[in-house]
Amino acid sequence: MWVKIHKSSRTVVAICDDNLLGKKFNEGIKCLNITESFFKGEKMSRKEVRDIMKFESLSGSSFNIVGRESVNLALSVGIIEKDSWYEVEKIPFVITC
């Protein structure tokens, strides 16, 4: 998975499945654009991503998570709830505040 942490007045953690980086999906008026400029930070293992999710959720960070593997990991860590995500072309994504 790819992880990039954006720090400004609020921290946003961008996480996406390895195979989705740089792709764009469209469905009707919905568009999901997984740009390298936003998501390409460090390539990390499941364990590393899990640790970042746990730490950053305790710190009050927001998350932008795309892809089945990444969303399922966020669900297992407990930072999102079941059925709290959306899909574009069957690609799940979630944005937390």
C-alpha atoms as a PDB file:
ATOM      1  CA  MET A   1       0.000   0.000   0.000  1.00  0.00           C
ATOM      2  CA  TRP A   2       1.023   3.596  -0.566  1.00  0.00           C
ATOM      3  CA  VAL A   3       0.908   6.091   2.302  1.00  0.00           C
ATOM      4  CA  LYS A   4       1.464   9.825   2.206  1.00  0.00           C
ATOM      5  CA  ILE A   5       0.976  12.098   5.198  1.00  0.00           C
ATOM      6  CA  HIS A   6      -0.037  15.673   4.430  1.00  0.00           C
ATOM      7  CA  LYS A   7       0.556  18.110   7.261  1.00  0.00           C
ATOM      8  CA  SER A   8      -0.995  21.548   7.383  1.00  0.00           C
ATOM      9  CA  SER A   9      -3.464  22.935   9.921  1.00  0.00           C
ATOM     10  CA  ARG A  10      -4.786  19.359  10.045  1.00  0.00           C
ATOM     11  CA  THR A  11      -3.039  16.097   9.206  1.00  0.00           C
ATOM     12  CA  VAL A  12      -4.509  14.071   6.339  1.00  0.00           C
ATOM     13  CA  VAL A  13      -3.277  10.527   5.785  1.00  0.00           C
ATOM     14  CA  ALA A  14      -3.685   9.308   2.185  1.00  0.00           C
ATOM     15  CA  ILE A  15      -3.633   5.523   1.747  1.00  0.00           C
ATOM     16  CA  CYS A  16      -4.287   3.497  -1.390  1.00  0.00           C
ATOM     17  CA  ASP A  17      -3.869  -0.037  -2.647  1.00  0.00           C
ATOM     18  CA  ASP A  18      -0.639  -0.649  -4.505  1.00  0.00           C
ATOM     19  CA  ASN A  19      -2.316  -1.459  -7.826  1.00  0.00           C
ATOM     20  CA  LEU A  20      -4.519   1.674  -7.911  1.00  0.00           C
ATOM     21  CA  LEU A  21      -1.894   4.421  -7.821  1.00  0.00           C
ATOM     22  CA  GLY A  22      -2.149   6.703 -10.843  1.00  0.00           C
ATOM     23  CA  LYS A  23      -5.501   5.339 -12.032  1.00  0.00           C
ATOM     24  CA  LYS A  24      -8.789   7.114 -12.627  1.00  0.00           C
ATOM     25  CA  PHE A  25     -12.286   5.613 -12.367  1.00  0.00           C
ATOM     26  CA  ASN A  26     -15.570   7.110 -13.591  1.00  0.00           C
ATOM     27  CA  GLU A  27     -19.149   6.076 -12.945  1.00  0.00           C
ATOM     28  CA  GLY A  28     -21.864   8.456 -14.058  1.00  0.00           C
ATOM     29  CA  ILE A  29     -21.048  11.827 -12.490  1.00  0.00           C
ATOM     30  CA  LYS A  30     -18.699  10.248  -9.918  1.00  0.00           C
ATOM     31  CA  CYS A  31     -14.951  10.331 -10.513  1.00  0.00           C
ATOM     32  CA  LEU A  32     -12.201   8.758  -8.418  1.00  0.00           C
ATOM     33  CA  ASN A  33      -8.721   9.976  -9.377  1.00  0.00           C
ATOM     34  CA  ILE A  34      -5.897   8.321  -7.413  1.00  0.00           C
ATOM     35  CA  THR A  35      -3.149  10.776  -8.237  1.00  0.00           C
ATOM     36  CA  GLU A  36       0.503  10.199  -7.468  1.00  0.00           C
ATOM     37  CA  SER A  37       0.821  13.746  -6.149  1.00  0.00           C
ATOM     38  CA  PHE A  38      -1.681  12.998  -3.371  1.00  0.00           C
ATOM     39  CA  PHE A  39      -1.158   9.284  -2.625  1.00  0.00           C
ATOM     40  CA  LYS A  40       2.427   8.420  -3.574  1.00  0.00           C
ATOM     41  CA  GLY A  41       4.490   8.739  -0.431  1.00  0.00           C
ATOM     42  CA  GLU A  42       6.048   5.574   0.934  1.00  0.00           C
ATOM     43  CA  LYS A  43       5.222   2.034  -0.083  1.00  0.00           C
ATOM     44  CA  MET A  44       4.482   0.144   3.148  1.00  0.00           C
ATOM     45  CA  SER A  45       3.576  -3.292   4.429  1.00  0.00           C
ATOM     46  CA  ARG A  46       0.203  -4.111   5.971  1.00  0.00           C
ATOM     47  CA  LYS A  47       1.734  -3.988   9.447  1.00  0.00           C
ATOM     48  CA  GLU A  48       3.307  -0.586   8.842  1.00  0.00           C
ATOM     49  CA  VAL A  49       0.039   0.811   7.490  1.00  0.00           C
ATOM     50  CA  ARG A  50      -1.896  -0.684  10.422  1.00  0.00           C
ATOM     51  CA  ASP A  51       0.505   1.011  12.864  1.00  0.00           C
ATOM     52  CA  ILE A  52       0.137   4.369  11.087  1.00  0.00           C
ATOM     53  CA  MET A  53      -3.652   4.049  11.076  1.00  0.00           C
ATOM     54  CA  LYS A  54      -3.694   3.363  14.815  1.00  0.00           C
ATOM     55  CA  PHE A  55      -1.266   6.176  15.685  1.00  0.00           C
ATOM     56  CA  GLU A  56      -2.783   8.805  13.396  1.00  0.00           C
ATOM     57  CA  SER A  57      -6.364   7.995  14.452  1.00  0.00           C
ATOM     58  CA  LEU A  58      -5.372   8.637  18.071  1.00  0.00           C
ATOM     59  CA  SER A  59      -3.783  11.918  16.964  1.00  0.00           C
ATOM     60  CA  GLY A  60      -7.046  13.089  15.379  1.00  0.00           C
ATOM     61  CA  SER A  61      -5.864  12.876  11.772  1.00  0.00           C
ATOM     62  CA  SER A  62      -8.234  12.632   8.823  1.00  0.00           C
ATOM     63  CA  PHE A  63      -7.945   9.770   6.339  1.00  0.00           C
ATOM     64  CA  ASN A  64      -8.448   9.425   2.603  1.00  0.00           C
ATOM     65  CA  ILE A  65      -8.402   5.675   1.921  1.00  0.00           C
ATOM     66  CA  VAL A  66      -8.881   3.988  -1.468  1.00  0.00           C
ATOM     67  CA  GLY A  67      -8.990   0.315  -2.454  1.00  0.00           C
ATOM     68  CA  ARG A  68     -10.385  -2.918  -1.095  1.00  0.00           C
ATOM     69  CA  GLU A  69      -7.249  -3.954   0.832  1.00  0.00           C
ATOM     70  CA  SER A  70      -6.778  -0.509   2.398  1.00  0.00           C
ATOM     71  CA  VAL A  71     -10.464  -0.074   3.319  1.00  0.00           C
ATOM     72  CA  ASN A  72     -10.606  -3.579   4.821  1.00  0.00           C
ATOM     73  CA  LEU A  73      -7.516  -2.829   6.888  1.00  0.00           C
ATOM     74  CA  ALA A  74      -9.083   0.424   8.146  1.00  0.00           C
ATOM     75  CA  LEU A  75     -12.207  -1.546   9.069  1.00  0.00           C
ATOM     76  CA  SER A  76     -10.172  -4.143  10.993  1.00  0.00           C
ATOM     77  CA  VAL A  77      -8.263  -1.394  12.845  1.00  0.00           C
ATOM     78  CA  GLY A  78     -11.556   0.260  13.771  1.00  0.00           C
ATOM     79  CA  ILE A  79     -11.037   3.693  12.221  1.00  0.00           C
ATOM     80  CA  ILE A  80     -14.082   3.242   9.972  1.00  0.00           C
ATOM     81  CA  GLU A  81     -17.361   1.424  10.437  1.00  0.00           C
ATOM     82  CA  LYS A  82     -18.933  -1.217   8.255  1.00  0.00           C
ATOM     83  CA  ASP A  83     -20.684   0.225   5.185  1.00  0.00           C
ATOM     84  CA  SER A  84     -19.187   3.688   5.774  1.00  0.00           C
ATOM     85  CA  TRP A  85     -17.473   3.825   2.381  1.00  0.00           C
ATOM     86  CA  TYR A  86     -18.552   4.579  -1.164  1.00  0.00           C
ATOM     87  CA  GLU A  87     -17.632   2.924  -4.448  1.00  0.00           C
ATOM     88  CA  VAL A  88     -16.811   4.045  -7.969  1.00  0.00           C
ATOM     89  CA  GLU A  89     -16.522   1.209 -10.493  1.00  0.00           C
ATOM     90  CA  LYS A  90     -16.484  -1.193  -7.506  1.00  0.00           C
ATOM     91  CA  ILE A  91     -13.412   0.563  -6.037  1.00  0.00           C
ATOM     92  CA  PRO A  92     -14.178   1.375  -2.387  1.00  0.00           C
ATOM     93  CA  PHE A  93     -13.052   4.657  -0.845  1.00  0.00           C
ATOM     94  CA  VAL A  94     -13.632   6.522   2.389  1.00  0.00           C
ATOM     95  CA  ILE A  95     -12.827   9.998   3.648  1.00  0.00           C
ATOM     96  CA  THR A  96     -12.876  10.609   7.389  1.00  0.00           C
ATOM     97  CA  CYS A  97     -12.880  13.920   9.194  1.00  0.00           C
END
